[in-house]
Amino acid sequence: MNSLRNKVQLIGNLGNGPEIITVEKWTKLAAISEDFLSKAQKAVIEGKLINPSYGTNEGDKGYITEIKCNELLMLGK
């Protein structure tokens, strides 16, 4: 049951091209995403939600929501 925690599936058109920020090992999935995905392309992405926090110079704290992708299916042409 623990493998279902924070699991997310997204199906639709990409709003922007993929942004690869950090890759622990330069995986095939990251390379394929960077080379073949672009804005408005249809795709299915499955992964885990992660919410890292960051601090600003003014001392404010902010959060971002990201998806750590485990599975990718490109749809369309």
PDB file of N, CA and C in Angstrom:
ATOM      1  N   MET A   1       0.813  -1.186   0.000  1.00  0.00           N
ATOM      2  CA  MET A   1       0.000   0.000   0.000  1.00  0.00           C
ATOM      3  C   MET A   1       0.865   1.261   0.000  1.00  0.00           C
ATOM      4  N   ASN A   2       2.076   1.163   0.529  1.00  0.00           N
ATOM      5  CA  ASN A   2       2.958   2.321   0.591  1.00  0.00           C
ATOM      6  C   ASN A   2       3.347   2.827  -0.795  1.00  0.00           C
ATOM      7  N   SER A   3       3.349   1.950  -1.806  1.00  0.00           N
ATOM      8  CA  SER A   3       3.722   2.366  -3.155  1.00  0.00           C
ATOM      9  C   SER A   3       2.666   3.273  -3.783  1.00  0.00           C
ATOM     10  N   LEU A   4       1.463   3.327  -3.211  1.00  0.00           N
ATOM     11  CA  LEU A   4       0.418   4.195  -3.737  1.00  0.00           C
ATOM     12  C   LEU A   4       0.478   5.612  -3.159  1.00  0.00           C
ATOM     13  N   ARG A   5       1.294   5.820  -2.173  1.00  0.00           N
ATOM     14  CA  ARG A   5       1.376   7.134  -1.535  1.00  0.00           C
ATOM     15  C   ARG A   5       1.969   8.160  -2.493  1.00  0.00           C
ATOM     16  N   ASN A   6       1.289   9.290  -2.631  1.00  0.00           N
ATOM     17  CA  ASN A   6       1.704  10.402  -3.492  1.00  0.00           C
ATOM     18  C   ASN A   6       1.809  10.027  -4.966  1.00  0.00           C
ATOM     19  N   LYS A   7       1.116   8.983  -5.391  1.00  0.00           N
ATOM     20  CA  LYS A   7       1.153   8.571  -6.789  1.00  0.00           C
ATOM     21  C   LYS A   7       0.211   9.446  -7.610  1.00  0.00           C
ATOM     22  N   VAL A   8       0.654   9.833  -8.807  1.00  0.00           N
ATOM     23  CA  VAL A   8      -0.153  10.689  -9.665  1.00  0.00           C
ATOM     24  C   VAL A   8      -0.019  10.221 -11.112  1.00  0.00           C
ATOM     25  N   GLN A   9      -1.118  10.319 -11.855  1.00  0.00           N
ATOM     26  CA  GLN A   9      -1.126  10.043 -13.291  1.00  0.00           C
ATOM     27  C   GLN A   9      -1.709  11.259 -13.993  1.00  0.00           C
ATOM     28  N   LEU A  10      -1.000  11.767 -14.964  1.00  0.00           N
ATOM     29  CA  LEU A  10      -1.460  12.916 -15.735  1.00  0.00           C
ATOM     30  C   LEU A  10      -1.556  12.527 -17.198  1.00  0.00           C
ATOM     31  N   ILE A  11      -2.665  12.872 -17.831  1.00  0.00           N
ATOM     32  CA  ILE A  11      -2.880  12.598 -19.247  1.00  0.00           C
ATOM     33  C   ILE A  11      -3.330  13.900 -19.883  1.00  0.00           C
ATOM     34  N   GLY A  12      -2.622  14.333 -20.926  1.00  0.00           N
ATOM     35  CA  GLY A  12      -3.037  15.555 -21.598  1.00  0.00           C
ATOM     36  C   GLY A  12      -1.933  16.168 -22.429  1.00  0.00           C
ATOM     37  N   ASN A  13      -2.128  17.440 -22.765  1.00  0.00           N
ATOM     38  CA  ASN A  13      -1.158  18.170 -23.562  1.00  0.00           C
ATOM     39  C   ASN A  13      -0.173  18.886 -22.655  1.00  0.00           C
ATOM     40  N   LEU A  14       1.089  18.889 -23.036  1.00  0.00           N
ATOM     41  CA  LEU A  14       2.104  19.573 -22.253  1.00  0.00           C
ATOM     42  C   LEU A  14       1.948  21.079 -22.408  1.00  0.00           C
ATOM     43  N   GLY A  15       1.964  21.797 -21.306  1.00  0.00           N
ATOM     44  CA  GLY A  15       1.871  23.249 -21.343  1.00  0.00           C
ATOM     45  C   GLY A  15       3.182  23.882 -21.762  1.00  0.00           C
ATOM     46  N   ASN A  16       4.283  23.257 -21.428  1.00  0.00           N
ATOM     47  CA  ASN A  16       5.634  23.693 -21.801  1.00  0.00           C
ATOM     48  C   ASN A  16       6.454  22.456 -22.111  1.00  0.00           C
ATOM     49  N   GLY A  17       7.615  22.652 -22.663  1.00  0.00           N
ATOM     50  CA  GLY A  17       8.534  21.531 -22.854  1.00  0.00           C
ATOM     51  C   GLY A  17       9.039  21.066 -21.499  1.00  0.00           C
ATOM     52  N   PRO A  18       9.590  19.859 -21.416  1.00  0.00           N
ATOM     53  CA  PRO A  18      10.071  19.344 -20.132  1.00  0.00           C
ATOM     54  C   PRO A  18      11.238  20.176 -19.608  1.00  0.00           C
ATOM     55  N   GLU A  19      11.262  20.338 -18.308  1.00  0.00           N
ATOM     56  CA  GLU A  19      12.353  21.063 -17.653  1.00  0.00           C
ATOM     57  C   GLU A  19      13.065  20.077 -16.750  1.00  0.00           C
ATOM     58  N   ILE A  20      14.240  19.670 -17.148  1.00  0.00           N
ATOM     59  CA  ILE A  20      15.004  18.701 -16.368  1.00  0.00           C
ATOM     60  C   ILE A  20      15.951  19.477 -15.481  1.00  0.00           C
ATOM     61  N   ILE A  21      15.685  19.450 -14.181  1.00  0.00           N
ATOM     62  CA  ILE A  21      16.448  20.254 -13.235  1.00  0.00           C
ATOM     63  C   ILE A  21      17.612  19.449 -12.664  1.00  0.00           C
ATOM     64  N   THR A  22      17.306  18.320 -12.065  1.00  0.00           N
ATOM     65  CA  THR A  22      18.326  17.494 -11.433  1.00  0.00           C
ATOM     66  C   THR A  22      18.081  16.046 -11.820  1.00  0.00           C
ATOM     67  N   VAL A  23      19.126  15.392 -12.222  1.00  0.00           N
ATOM     68  CA  VAL A  23      19.020  13.977 -12.542  1.00  0.00           C
ATOM     69  C   VAL A  23      20.144  13.274 -11.808  1.00  0.00           C
ATOM     70  N   GLU A  24      19.784  12.383 -10.891  1.00  0.00           N
ATOM     71  CA  GLU A  24      20.797  11.673 -10.116  1.00  0.00           C
ATOM     72  C   GLU A  24      21.684  10.846 -11.031  1.00  0.00           C
ATOM     73  N   LYS A  25      21.077  10.059 -11.888  1.00  0.00           N
ATOM     74  CA  LYS A  25      21.763   9.330 -12.938  1.00  0.00           C
ATOM     75  C   LYS A  25      21.103   9.801 -14.224  1.00  0.00           C
ATOM     76  N   TRP A  26      21.878  10.107 -15.227  1.00  0.00           N
ATOM     77  CA  TRP A  26      21.256  10.599 -16.468  1.00  0.00           C
ATOM     78  C   TRP A  26      20.546   9.433 -17.127  1.00  0.00           C
ATOM     79  N   THR A  27      19.251   9.237 -16.768  1.00  0.00           N
ATOM     80  CA  THR A  27      18.482   8.081 -17.195  1.00  0.00           C
ATOM     81  C   THR A  27      18.011   8.226 -18.629  1.00  0.00           C
ATOM     82  N   LYS A  28      17.620   7.104 -19.213  1.00  0.00           N
ATOM     83  CA  LYS A  28      17.076   7.112 -20.565  1.00  0.00           C
ATOM     84  C   LYS A  28      15.783   7.906 -20.618  1.00  0.00           C
ATOM     85  N   LEU A  29      14.967   7.807 -19.577  1.00  0.00           N
ATOM     86  CA  LEU A  29      13.699   8.532 -19.536  1.00  0.00           C
ATOM     87  C   LEU A  29      13.931  10.044 -19.579  1.00  0.00           C
ATOM     88  N   ALA A  30      14.927  10.529 -18.861  1.00  0.00           N
ATOM     89  CA  ALA A  30      15.238  11.960 -18.878  1.00  0.00           C
ATOM     90  C   ALA A  30      15.735  12.383 -20.259  1.00  0.00           C
ATOM     91  N   ALA A  31      16.592  11.581 -20.858  1.00  0.00           N
ATOM     92  CA  ALA A  31      17.120  11.920 -22.183  1.00  0.00           C
ATOM     93  C   ALA A  31      16.018  11.905 -23.240  1.00  0.00           C
ATOM     94  N   ILE A  32      15.123  10.922 -23.178  1.00  0.00           N
ATOM     95  CA  ILE A  32      14.007  10.840 -24.131  1.00  0.00           C
ATOM     96  C   ILE A  32      13.077  12.031 -23.948  1.00  0.00           C
ATOM     97  N   SER A  33      12.789  12.383 -22.720  1.00  0.00           N
ATOM     98  CA  SER A  33      11.910  13.525 -22.451  1.00  0.00           C
ATOM     99  C   SER A  33      12.489  14.801 -23.033  1.00  0.00           C
ATOM    100  N   GLU A  34      13.751  15.018 -22.793  1.00  0.00           N
ATOM    101  CA  GLU A  34      14.393  16.238 -23.261  1.00  0.00           C
ATOM    102  C   GLU A  34      14.466  16.289 -24.790  1.00  0.00           C
ATOM    103  N   ASP A  35      14.695  15.151 -25.427  1.00  0.00           N
ATOM    104  CA  ASP A  35      14.875  15.110 -26.885  1.00  0.00           C
ATOM    105  C   ASP A  35      13.566  15.093 -27.665  1.00  0.00           C
ATOM    106  N   PHE A  36      12.527  14.435 -27.135  1.00  0.00           N
ATOM    107  CA  PHE A  36      11.348  14.173 -27.948  1.00  0.00           C
ATOM    108  C   PHE A  36      10.059  14.859 -27.498  1.00  0.00           C
ATOM    109  N   LEU A  37      10.003  15.392 -26.282  1.00  0.00           N
ATOM    110  CA  LEU A  37       8.783  16.061 -25.832  1.00  0.00           C
ATOM    111  C   LEU A  37       8.883  17.560 -26.066  1.00  0.00           C
ATOM    112  N   SER A  38       7.765  18.168 -26.443  1.00  0.00           N
ATOM    113  CA  SER A  38       7.728  19.609 -26.647  1.00  0.00           C
ATOM    114  C   SER A  38       6.348  20.128 -26.264  1.00  0.00           C
ATOM    115  N   LYS A  39       6.204  21.439 -26.250  1.00  0.00           N
ATOM    116  CA  LYS A  39       4.948  22.079 -25.876  1.00  0.00           C
ATOM    117  C   LYS A  39       3.802  21.587 -26.748  1.00  0.00           C
ATOM    118  N   ALA A  40       2.646  21.376 -26.159  1.00  0.00           N
ATOM    119  CA  ALA A  40       1.387  20.967 -26.804  1.00  0.00           C
ATOM    120  C   ALA A  40       1.361  19.514 -27.251  1.00  0.00           C
ATOM    121  N   GLN A  41       2.399  18.737 -26.981  1.00  0.00           N
ATOM    122  CA  GLN A  41       2.390  17.315 -27.330  1.00  0.00           C
ATOM    123  C   GLN A  41       1.578  16.548 -26.297  1.00  0.00           C
ATOM    124  N   LYS A  42       0.851  15.531 -26.748  1.00  0.00           N
ATOM    125  CA  LYS A  42       0.050  14.697 -25.844  1.00  0.00           C
ATOM    126  C   LYS A  42       0.950  13.650 -25.193  1.00  0.00           C
ATOM    127  N   ALA A  43       0.736  13.446 -23.887  1.00  0.00           N
ATOM    128  CA  ALA A  43       1.558  12.485 -23.161  1.00  0.00           C
ATOM    129  C   ALA A  43       0.819  11.985 -21.924  1.00  0.00           C
ATOM    130  N   VAL A  44       1.246  10.818 -21.443  1.00  0.00           N
ATOM    131  CA  VAL A  44       0.788  10.250 -20.179  1.00  0.00           C
ATOM    132  C   VAL A  44       2.023  10.165 -19.292  1.00  0.00           C
ATOM    133  N   ILE A  45       1.925  10.733 -18.097  1.00  0.00           N
ATOM    134  CA  ILE A  45       3.039  10.719 -17.156  1.00  0.00           C
ATOM    135  C   ILE A  45       2.553  10.123 -15.848  1.00  0.00           C
ATOM    136  N   GLU A  46       3.328   9.197 -15.306  1.00  0.00           N
ATOM    137  CA  GLU A  46       3.012   8.615 -14.006  1.00  0.00           C
ATOM    138  C   GLU A  46       4.227   8.786 -13.115  1.00  0.00           C
ATOM    139  N   GLY A  47       3.987   9.183 -11.887  1.00  0.00           N
ATOM    140  CA  GLY A  47       5.106   9.370 -10.976  1.00  0.00           C
ATOM    141  C   GLY A  47       4.643   9.701  -9.578  1.00  0.00           C
ATOM    142  N   LYS A  48       5.539  10.321  -8.807  1.00  0.00           N
ATOM    143  CA  LYS A  48       5.263  10.692  -7.422  1.00  0.00           C
ATOM    144  C   LYS A  48       5.301  12.199  -7.282  1.00  0.00           C
ATOM    145  N   LEU A  49       4.407  12.722  -6.452  1.00  0.00           N
ATOM    146  CA  LEU A  49       4.426  14.140  -6.127  1.00  0.00           C
ATOM    147  C   LEU A  49       5.500  14.404  -5.080  1.00  0.00           C
ATOM    148  N   ILE A  50       6.286  15.427  -5.316  1.00  0.00           N
ATOM    149  CA  ILE A  50       7.251  15.870  -4.315  1.00  0.00           C
ATOM    150  C   ILE A  50       7.066  17.372  -4.134  1.00  0.00           C
ATOM    151  N   ASN A  51       7.280  17.847  -2.926  1.00  0.00           N
ATOM    152  CA  ASN A  51       7.068  19.257  -2.599  1.00  0.00           C
ATOM    153  C   ASN A  51       8.304  19.829  -1.907  1.00  0.00           C
ATOM    154  N   PRO A  52       9.351  20.157  -2.658  1.00  0.00           N
ATOM    155  CA  PRO A  52      10.522  20.768  -2.018  1.00  0.00           C
ATOM    156  C   PRO A  52      10.227  22.201  -1.594  1.00  0.00           C
ATOM    157  N   SER A  53      10.939  22.650  -0.582  1.00  0.00           N
ATOM    158  CA  SER A  53      10.783  24.033  -0.128  1.00  0.00           C
ATOM    159  C   SER A  53      12.071  24.795  -0.443  1.00  0.00           C
ATOM    160  N   TYR A  54      11.950  26.102  -0.468  1.00  0.00           N
ATOM    161  CA  TYR A  54      13.107  26.951  -0.711  1.00  0.00           C
ATOM    162  C   TYR A  54      12.957  28.225   0.108  1.00  0.00           C
ATOM    163  N   GLY A  55      14.060  28.891   0.334  1.00  0.00           N
ATOM    164  CA  GLY A  55      14.038  30.154   1.060  1.00  0.00           C
ATOM    165  C   GLY A  55      14.498  31.282   0.152  1.00  0.00           C
ATOM    166  N   THR A  56      13.931  32.466   0.355  1.00  0.00           N
ATOM    167  CA  THR A  56      14.332  33.636  -0.425  1.00  0.00           C
ATOM    168  C   THR A  56      15.328  34.466   0.381  1.00  0.00           C
ATOM    169  N   ASN A  57      15.938  35.429  -0.274  1.00  0.00           N
ATOM    170  CA  ASN A  57      16.890  36.303   0.412  1.00  0.00           C
ATOM    171  C   ASN A  57      16.223  37.135   1.504  1.00  0.00           C
ATOM    172  N   GLU A  58      14.914  37.371   1.358  1.00  0.00           N
ATOM    173  CA  GLU A  58      14.181  38.149   2.359  1.00  0.00           C
ATOM    174  C   GLU A  58      13.756  37.299   3.548  1.00  0.00           C
ATOM    175  N   GLY A  59      14.043  36.008   3.529  1.00  0.00           N
ATOM    176  CA  GLY A  59      13.687  35.134   4.635  1.00  0.00           C
ATOM    177  C   GLY A  59      12.348  34.453   4.482  1.00  0.00           C
ATOM    178  N   ASP A  60      11.665  34.670   3.365  1.00  0.00           N
ATOM    179  CA  ASP A  60      10.387  33.995   3.123  1.00  0.00           C
ATOM    180  C   ASP A  60      10.648  32.555   2.703  1.00  0.00           C
ATOM    181  N   LYS A  61       9.683  31.691   2.991  1.00  0.00           N
ATOM    182  CA  LYS A  61       9.790  30.289   2.616  1.00  0.00           C
ATOM    183  C   LYS A  61       8.723  29.979   1.574  1.00  0.00           C
ATOM    184  N   GLY A  62       9.099  29.267   0.527  1.00  0.00           N
ATOM    185  CA  GLY A  62       8.151  28.908  -0.517  1.00  0.00           C
ATOM    186  C   GLY A  62       8.225  27.424  -0.828  1.00  0.00           C
ATOM    187  N   TYR A  63       7.230  26.935  -1.515  1.00  0.00           N
ATOM    188  CA  TYR A  63       7.157  25.523  -1.878  1.00  0.00           C
ATOM    189  C   TYR A  63       6.865  25.395  -3.373  1.00  0.00           C
ATOM    190  N   ILE A  64       7.335  24.322  -3.960  1.00  0.00           N
ATOM    191  CA  ILE A  64       7.049  24.005  -5.353  1.00  0.00           C
ATOM    192  C   ILE A  64       6.468  22.596  -5.372  1.00  0.00           C
ATOM    193  N   THR A  65       5.586  22.319  -6.307  1.00  0.00           N
ATOM    194  CA  THR A  65       5.079  20.967  -6.497  1.00  0.00           C
ATOM    195  C   THR A  65       5.672  20.430  -7.791  1.00  0.00           C
ATOM    196  N   GLU A  66       6.340  19.286  -7.700  1.00  0.00           N
ATOM    197  CA  GLU A  66       6.970  18.656  -8.854  1.00  0.00           C
ATOM    198  C   GLU A  66       6.509  17.206  -8.954  1.00  0.00           C
ATOM    199  N   ILE A  67       6.714  16.625 -10.120  1.00  0.00           N
ATOM    200  CA  ILE A  67       6.422  15.211 -10.322  1.00  0.00           C
ATOM    201  C   ILE A  67       7.713  14.506 -10.688  1.00  0.00           C
ATOM    202  N   LYS A  68       8.073  13.507  -9.905  1.00  0.00           N
ATOM    203  CA  LYS A  68       9.217  12.674 -10.236  1.00  0.00           C
ATOM    204  C   LYS A  68       8.675  11.552 -11.117  1.00  0.00           C
ATOM    205  N   CYS A  69       8.965  11.632 -12.405  1.00  0.00           N
ATOM    206  CA  CYS A  69       8.375  10.752 -13.408  1.00  0.00           C
ATOM    207  C   CYS A  69       8.994   9.355 -13.362  1.00  0.00           C
ATOM    208  N   ASN A  70       8.119   8.334 -13.303  1.00  0.00           N
ATOM    209  CA  ASN A  70       8.563   6.939 -13.354  1.00  0.00           C
ATOM    210  C   ASN A  70       8.211   6.285 -14.678  1.00  0.00           C
ATOM    211  N   GLU A  71       7.086   6.692 -15.263  1.00  0.00           N
ATOM    212  CA  GLU A  71       6.607   6.125 -16.518  1.00  0.00           C
ATOM    213  C   GLU A  71       6.213   7.257 -17.457  1.00  0.00           C
ATOM    214  N   LEU A  72       6.478   7.067 -18.745  1.00  0.00           N
ATOM    215  CA  LEU A  72       6.140   8.072 -19.744  1.00  0.00           C
ATOM    216  C   LEU A  72       5.626   7.381 -20.996  1.00  0.00           C
ATOM    217  N   LEU A  73       4.509   7.874 -21.505  1.00  0.00           N
ATOM    218  CA  LEU A  73       3.952   7.372 -22.760  1.00  0.00           C
ATOM    219  C   LEU A  73       3.628   8.569 -23.628  1.00  0.00           C
ATOM    220  N   MET A  74       4.289   8.666 -24.781  1.00  0.00           N
ATOM    221  CA  MET A  74       4.024   9.761 -25.712  1.00  0.00           C
ATOM    222  C   MET A  74       2.848   9.361 -26.601  1.00  0.00           C
ATOM    223  N   LEU A  75       1.863  10.245 -26.720  1.00  0.00           N
ATOM    224  CA  LEU A  75       0.682   9.986 -27.530  1.00  0.00           C
ATOM    225  C   LEU A  75       0.723  10.834 -28.790  1.00  0.00           C
ATOM    226  N   GLY A  76      -0.037  10.462 -29.775  1.00  0.00           N
ATOM    227  CA  GLY A  76      -0.102  11.237 -31.005  1.00  0.00           C
ATOM    228  C   GLY A  76       1.054  10.905 -31.931  1.00  0.00           C
ATOM    229  N   LYS A  77       1.312  11.838 -32.846  1.00  0.00           N
ATOM    230  CA  LYS A  77       2.356  11.608 -33.865  1.00  0.00           C
ATOM    231  C   LYS A  77       3.723  11.901 -33.359  1.00  0.00           C
TER     232      LYS A  77
END
